[in-house]
Amino acid sequence: RPVEKAWLYEVVSNWRSGIDVDKFDYFRRDALHLGIQRQFDHDRYMKGVKVVRDECGVLTMSPPEKDKDTLRENMMELRKMLHRTAYQHKTVKKLEIHMIDILKQMDKAVLVTGVGGKKMRMSEAAVALDPVAYPKLTDTFVESRLLDREDPNLEAAALEHERHILRRQLMRLVAEWDLPRYDEGGDGPFLIPEQEAVITGLLAEYPAACAARPSDKPTREVTADELRCQVAKIHYGMGSRDPITRVVFHSTKSEASRGFQMDCDAKPLRQKIFVFWNPPINELKDEVTLSRLTHAFHLWARRQVQDAVVVPASPLSKLPRPWE
């Protein structure tokens, strides 16, 4: 299609700002089924939007200027809420890690048939996007192999699936840390530490944490293999950039249109670090070791920032500030 019709693609997949009917659909659906009493009024948006030319003369979809705050509060913030409470919730992160471990074990034993009858591992089919083998890698394919318990080579993976996915015997949360925002002090963005660096730093502080948390129970050695670190980026859909600044708004009182270089009320990015402890099943209720690991994370986190930063470690505890 000619460039004059480019705005039609913005209806379904808006490359400028991410405001499109695809988002309208799954935001409303997921909010409904998650019990979130918050919705974006897409009918109002569709009635008010019109097609105008941007500064380069390219046609684009333009909502009215008066709807700027509504878009931010009821759509952009709804997206962040869905990620925070569902898509990147700590329990979802736990299940993802457990499922990745299970798939890695399956990958060693399961072969799928690809183009020309070639046998390949699941990972090979996924990387190569084999047109015959890749479509077979569905949830049903994986679950049927794990549940039938017919292949002895998959017994370990099937047992992990039963314990962690079906019985919900999940790894424990050591800590979750809301990293400082870009605009909360400092001259630049707070750099996300490497996952290995987080685990290494936590283990380095673990002896001091054990000494600070004495107990009748002997100190349990914790290895790096038992710890997992995950980073969650919760944003408006464009990382640290505010999508509102990429929208061309029009005036309902005149033919004028304009964009906004900055939205002072926008908080487009929130970064979180999750640290989990994955001990053997019979040690999941070891609260002493879990408490020591949490304290070790607090000690490490303090060293990462200049000022005192509250570090939520669990629903019941927070990082104490130096003056407390």
Protein backbone atom coordinates (compact mmCIF):
# COMPACT_ATOMS: atom_id res chain seq x y z
CA ARG A 1 0.00 0.00 0.00
CA PRO A 2 1.18 3.60 -0.52
CA VAL A 3 2.41 5.63 2.44
CA GLU A 4 -0.92 7.49 2.51
CA LYS A 5 -2.50 4.25 3.78
CA ALA A 6 0.15 3.57 6.44
CA TRP A 7 -2.17 4.79 9.18
CA LEU A 8 -4.37 1.72 8.60
CA TYR A 9 -1.70 -0.49 10.18
CA GLU A 10 -1.83 1.67 13.32
CA VAL A 11 -5.39 0.44 13.92
CA VAL A 12 -4.21 -3.12 14.62
CA SER A 13 -0.50 -2.73 15.41
CA ASN A 14 0.50 0.83 16.23
CA TRP A 15 4.26 1.09 15.76
CA ARG A 16 4.27 4.69 16.99
CA SER A 17 2.75 4.35 20.45
CA GLY A 18 1.31 0.86 20.89
CA ILE A 19 -2.24 2.25 21.19
CA ASP A 20 -4.22 -0.17 19.01
CA VAL A 21 -7.22 -2.48 19.03
CA ASP A 22 -5.06 -5.50 19.88
CA LYS A 23 -4.24 -3.90 23.24
CA PHE A 24 -7.86 -2.85 23.73
CA ASP A 25 -8.90 -6.49 23.32
CA TYR A 26 -6.53 -8.25 25.67
CA PHE A 27 -6.50 -5.48 28.30
CA ARG A 28 -10.28 -5.74 28.66
CA ARG A 29 -10.31 -9.54 28.52
CA ASP A 30 -7.52 -10.06 31.05
CA ALA A 31 -8.79 -7.38 33.43
CA LEU A 32 -12.21 -9.03 33.42
CA HIS A 33 -10.94 -12.55 34.12
CA LEU A 34 -8.44 -11.34 36.74
CA GLY A 35 -11.15 -9.46 38.60
CA ILE A 36 -9.49 -6.07 38.07
CA GLN A 37 -12.20 -3.42 38.22
CA ARG A 38 -10.50 -1.07 35.81
CA GLN A 39 -11.10 -0.73 32.08
CA PHE A 40 -10.10 1.50 29.21
CA ASP A 41 -13.05 3.08 27.40
CA HIS A 42 -12.06 2.15 23.84
CA ASP A 43 -15.45 3.27 22.48
CA ARG A 44 -14.67 6.83 23.52
CA TYR A 45 -11.24 6.58 21.92
CA MET A 46 -12.59 5.28 18.61
CA LYS A 47 -15.26 7.99 18.46
CA GLY A 48 -12.76 10.78 19.12
CA VAL A 49 -9.80 9.66 17.00
CA LYS A 50 -9.21 11.01 13.50
CA VAL A 51 -6.49 10.89 10.87
CA VAL A 52 -4.09 13.85 10.62
CA ARG A 53 -0.61 14.49 9.22
CA ASP A 54 2.41 14.43 11.50
CA GLU A 55 5.33 16.86 11.27
CA CYS A 56 6.74 14.86 8.34
CA GLY A 57 3.48 14.91 6.45
CA VAL A 58 2.69 11.22 7.07
CA LEU A 59 -0.91 10.38 7.96
CA THR A 60 -1.40 9.02 11.47
CA MET A 61 -4.21 8.33 13.92
CA SER A 62 -4.75 11.24 16.28
CA PRO A 63 -6.83 11.25 19.48
CA PRO A 64 -8.14 14.56 20.86
CA GLU A 65 -5.78 16.49 23.09
CA LYS A 66 -8.26 16.41 25.98
CA ASP A 67 -7.89 12.59 26.14
CA LYS A 68 -4.16 12.66 26.92
CA ASP A 69 -4.56 12.07 30.65
CA THR A 70 -7.24 9.44 30.08
CA LEU A 71 -4.90 7.47 27.82
CA ARG A 72 -2.14 7.53 30.40
CA GLU A 73 -4.27 6.79 33.46
CA ASN A 74 -6.70 4.24 32.00
CA MET A 75 -4.59 2.49 29.37
CA MET A 76 -0.88 2.89 30.07
CA GLU A 77 -1.26 2.45 33.82
CA LEU A 78 -3.65 -0.48 33.26
CA ARG A 79 -0.93 -2.21 31.25
CA LYS A 80 1.51 -1.74 34.13
CA MET A 81 -1.06 -3.05 36.60
CA LEU A 82 -1.64 -6.19 34.54
CA HIS A 83 2.08 -6.87 34.38
CA ARG A 84 2.58 -6.18 38.07
CA THR A 85 -0.37 -8.24 39.33
CA ALA A 86 -0.43 -11.03 36.73
CA TYR A 87 2.02 -11.32 33.85
CA GLN A 88 5.14 -10.69 35.97
CA HIS A 89 3.84 -11.59 39.41
CA LYS A 90 6.28 -13.42 41.68
CA THR A 91 4.27 -16.68 41.49
CA VAL A 92 4.25 -16.51 37.69
CA LYS A 93 8.02 -16.04 37.78
CA LYS A 94 8.40 -19.11 39.99
CA LEU A 95 6.30 -21.24 37.64
CA GLU A 96 8.26 -19.99 34.64
CA ILE A 97 11.58 -21.00 36.20
CA HIS A 98 10.28 -24.41 37.21
CA MET A 99 8.88 -24.98 33.72
CA ILE A 100 12.16 -23.97 32.08
CA ASP A 101 13.99 -26.53 34.23
CA ILE A 102 11.48 -29.20 33.18
CA LEU A 103 11.81 -28.33 29.47
CA LYS A 104 15.60 -28.51 29.71
CA GLN A 105 15.33 -32.05 31.09
CA MET A 106 12.83 -33.00 28.38
CA ASP A 107 15.10 -31.59 25.68
CA LYS A 108 17.67 -34.28 26.44
CA ALA A 109 15.22 -37.11 25.86
CA VAL A 110 12.50 -35.97 23.44
CA LEU A 111 13.00 -35.95 19.69
CA VAL A 112 10.54 -34.52 17.16
CA THR A 113 10.36 -35.20 13.43
CA GLY A 114 11.09 -32.28 11.16
CA VAL A 115 11.43 -31.62 7.44
CA GLY A 116 12.52 -34.69 5.50
CA GLY A 117 12.00 -36.97 8.50
CA LYS A 118 14.93 -35.44 10.36
CA LYS A 119 14.91 -36.12 14.10
CA MET A 120 15.77 -33.11 16.24
CA ARG A 121 15.55 -31.88 19.81
CA MET A 122 12.79 -29.50 20.83
CA SER A 123 15.30 -26.67 21.23
CA GLU A 124 16.70 -27.30 17.75
CA ALA A 125 13.20 -27.22 16.24
CA ALA A 126 12.45 -23.95 18.02
CA VAL A 127 15.69 -22.23 17.02
CA ALA A 128 15.49 -23.40 13.40
CA LEU A 129 11.72 -22.71 13.20
CA ASP A 130 11.38 -26.02 11.39
CA PRO A 131 8.00 -25.81 9.57
CA VAL A 132 7.16 -29.45 10.40
CA ALA A 133 8.63 -29.93 13.88
CA TYR A 134 8.07 -26.50 15.41
CA PRO A 135 4.23 -26.47 15.18
CA LYS A 136 4.19 -29.71 17.18
CA LEU A 137 5.68 -28.03 20.27
CA THR A 138 2.39 -27.16 21.95
CA ASP A 139 1.28 -27.28 25.58
CA THR A 140 -0.62 -30.47 24.80
CA PHE A 141 2.50 -32.11 23.34
CA VAL A 142 4.59 -31.30 26.41
CA GLU A 143 1.94 -32.20 29.00
CA SER A 144 1.03 -35.49 27.33
CA ARG A 145 4.67 -36.61 27.45
CA LEU A 146 4.95 -35.66 31.10
CA LEU A 147 1.63 -37.14 32.25
CA ASP A 148 1.67 -40.52 30.50
CA ARG A 149 4.88 -41.55 32.39
CA GLU A 150 5.69 -44.07 29.64
CA ASP A 151 9.23 -42.94 28.85
CA PRO A 152 11.68 -43.78 31.68
CA ASN A 153 14.03 -41.08 30.36
CA LEU A 154 11.38 -38.49 31.25
CA GLU A 155 10.70 -39.74 34.77
CA ALA A 156 12.78 -37.03 36.45
CA ALA A 157 11.07 -34.29 34.41
CA ALA A 158 7.64 -35.81 35.08
CA LEU A 159 8.33 -35.87 38.81
CA GLU A 160 9.42 -32.22 38.75
CA HIS A 161 6.23 -31.35 36.84
CA GLU A 162 4.05 -33.16 39.35
CA ARG A 163 5.70 -31.54 42.37
CA HIS A 164 6.10 -27.98 41.17
CA ILE A 165 3.37 -27.44 38.58
CA LEU A 166 0.56 -29.75 39.68
CA ARG A 167 1.08 -29.74 43.47
CA ARG A 168 2.41 -26.17 43.57
CA GLN A 169 5.41 -27.00 45.75
CA LEU A 170 7.17 -23.88 44.53
CA MET A 171 10.52 -22.32 45.31
CA ARG A 172 10.59 -19.69 48.06
CA LEU A 173 10.80 -15.95 47.60
CA VAL A 174 13.97 -14.56 49.16
CA ALA A 175 13.45 -10.93 48.18
CA GLU A 176 11.89 -8.58 45.67
CA TRP A 177 13.40 -5.16 45.11
CA ASP A 178 11.77 -2.21 43.37
CA LEU A 179 14.80 -0.52 41.83
CA PRO A 180 15.00 3.28 42.01
CA ARG A 181 13.33 5.03 39.08
CA TYR A 182 15.31 7.06 36.58
CA ASP A 183 13.99 10.27 38.15
CA GLU A 184 14.45 9.29 41.80
CA GLY A 185 17.85 10.81 42.45
CA GLY A 186 21.15 10.37 40.64
CA ASP A 187 22.29 11.70 37.30
CA GLY A 188 21.33 8.69 35.22
CA PRO A 189 19.36 5.45 35.18
CA PHE A 190 19.92 2.85 37.84
CA LEU A 191 21.73 0.03 36.08
CA ILE A 192 20.22 -3.42 36.55
CA PRO A 193 22.85 -5.76 38.03
CA GLU A 194 23.62 -8.97 36.19
CA GLN A 195 21.72 -11.93 37.58
CA GLU A 196 24.95 -13.78 38.37
CA ALA A 197 26.25 -10.70 40.19
CA VAL A 198 23.13 -10.60 42.39
CA ILE A 199 23.53 -14.25 43.40
CA THR A 200 27.29 -13.90 43.92
CA GLY A 201 26.80 -10.78 46.04
CA LEU A 202 24.08 -12.44 48.13
CA LEU A 203 26.26 -15.49 48.83
CA ALA A 204 29.16 -13.22 49.79
CA GLU A 205 26.96 -11.59 52.45
CA TYR A 206 25.45 -14.90 53.62
CA PRO A 207 28.03 -15.63 56.38
CA ALA A 208 27.47 -12.17 57.88
CA ALA A 209 23.71 -12.70 57.70
CA CYS A 210 24.03 -16.03 59.52
CA ALA A 211 26.06 -14.36 62.25
CA ALA A 212 23.44 -11.61 62.57
CA ARG A 213 20.60 -14.16 62.75
CA PRO A 214 21.76 -16.73 65.33
CA SER A 215 19.69 -19.86 65.78
CA ASP A 216 19.81 -23.25 67.45
CA LYS A 217 19.70 -24.70 63.97
CA PRO A 218 23.15 -25.11 62.39
CA THR A 219 24.09 -22.95 59.43
CA ARG A 220 23.01 -24.56 56.18
CA GLU A 221 25.31 -24.19 53.21
CA VAL A 222 23.57 -22.61 50.23
CA THR A 223 24.98 -23.02 46.73
CA ALA A 224 24.53 -20.79 43.70
CA ASP A 225 22.60 -23.57 41.94
CA GLU A 226 19.81 -23.24 44.52
CA LEU A 227 19.33 -19.50 43.92
CA ARG A 228 17.52 -17.94 40.98
CA CYS A 229 17.33 -14.29 40.01
CA GLN A 230 14.75 -12.76 37.69
CA VAL A 231 14.33 -9.18 36.47
CA ALA A 232 10.91 -7.72 35.69
CA LYS A 233 10.49 -4.57 33.60
CA ILE A 234 7.02 -3.11 34.08
CA HIS A 235 6.34 -0.26 31.67
CA TYR A 236 3.92 1.39 29.25
CA GLY A 237 5.09 -0.78 26.36
CA MET A 238 8.18 1.14 25.22
CA GLY A 239 10.64 0.65 28.06
CA SER A 240 11.74 3.91 29.67
CA ARG A 241 10.13 5.98 26.91
CA ASP A 242 6.65 7.43 27.36
CA PRO A 243 4.37 6.44 24.41
CA ILE A 244 2.33 9.63 24.93
CA THR A 245 5.28 11.62 23.57
CA ARG A 246 4.91 9.73 20.25
CA VAL A 247 1.22 10.51 19.79
CA VAL A 248 0.01 13.38 17.60
CA PHE A 249 -2.99 14.95 19.32
CA HIS A 250 -5.52 17.20 17.64
CA SER A 251 -7.63 20.03 18.99
CA THR A 252 -11.40 19.69 18.99
CA LYS A 253 -11.71 23.49 18.71
CA SER A 254 -9.51 24.05 15.67
CA GLU A 255 -7.54 22.27 12.96
CA ALA A 256 -4.33 22.43 14.98
CA SER A 257 -2.45 19.31 16.06
CA ARG A 258 0.59 18.83 18.27
CA GLY A 259 2.63 16.38 20.31
CA PHE A 260 3.98 16.47 23.84
CA GLN A 261 7.70 16.26 24.45
CA MET A 262 7.20 15.43 28.11
CA ASP A 263 4.40 14.28 30.42
CA CYS A 264 5.24 15.25 33.99
CA ASP A 265 2.72 12.79 35.44
CA ALA A 266 4.05 9.79 33.50
CA LYS A 267 6.07 7.07 35.23
CA PRO A 268 6.70 4.76 32.29
CA LEU A 269 9.18 2.27 33.76
CA ARG A 270 9.44 0.29 36.97
CA GLN A 271 12.16 -2.34 37.35
CA LYS A 272 12.10 -5.16 39.89
CA ILE A 273 14.52 -7.86 40.92
CA PHE A 274 13.22 -11.17 42.26
CA VAL A 275 15.47 -13.64 44.08
CA PHE A 276 14.21 -17.16 44.74
CA TRP A 277 15.55 -20.11 46.73
CA ASN A 278 14.95 -23.56 45.26
CA PRO A 279 16.01 -26.12 47.89
CA PRO A 280 15.06 -29.81 47.91
CA ILE A 281 11.36 -30.41 48.52
CA ASN A 282 11.90 -31.52 52.12
CA GLU A 283 13.61 -28.20 52.96
CA LEU A 284 11.05 -25.79 51.52
CA LYS A 285 9.83 -24.93 55.03
CA ASP A 286 13.28 -24.03 56.36
CA GLU A 287 12.37 -20.56 57.62
CA VAL A 288 15.71 -19.98 59.36
CA THR A 289 17.76 -20.33 56.20
CA LEU A 290 15.21 -18.31 54.24
CA SER A 291 15.42 -15.49 56.79
CA ARG A 292 19.22 -15.50 56.61
CA LEU A 293 19.14 -15.37 52.81
CA THR A 294 16.72 -12.44 52.94
CA HIS A 295 18.99 -10.58 55.35
CA ALA A 296 21.99 -11.32 53.10
CA PHE A 297 20.12 -9.80 50.17
CA HIS A 298 19.37 -6.69 52.24
CA LEU A 299 23.07 -6.32 53.07
CA TRP A 300 24.00 -6.64 49.40
CA ALA A 301 21.25 -4.26 48.23
CA ARG A 302 22.41 -1.52 50.62
CA ARG A 303 25.77 -1.50 48.90
CA GLN A 304 24.20 -0.91 45.50
CA VAL A 305 22.68 2.49 46.18
CA GLN A 306 23.93 5.76 47.59
CA ASP A 307 20.82 6.63 49.60
CA ALA A 308 18.56 4.51 51.78
CA VAL A 309 16.16 2.54 49.58
CA VAL A 310 13.29 0.50 50.96
CA VAL A 311 13.68 -3.10 49.78
CA PRO A 312 10.51 -5.15 50.19
CA ALA A 313 11.71 -8.67 51.00
CA SER A 314 8.43 -10.29 51.87
CA PRO A 315 4.91 -9.19 52.83
CA LEU A 316 6.08 -8.99 56.45
CA SER A 317 9.46 -7.28 56.35
CA LYS A 318 11.26 -4.31 54.82
CA LEU A 319 14.84 -3.18 54.64
CA PRO A 320 15.58 -1.13 57.78
CA ARG A 321 16.91 2.36 57.18
CA PRO A 322 20.28 3.40 58.73
CA TRP A 323 18.66 5.71 61.31
CA GLU A 324 16.18 3.06 62.52
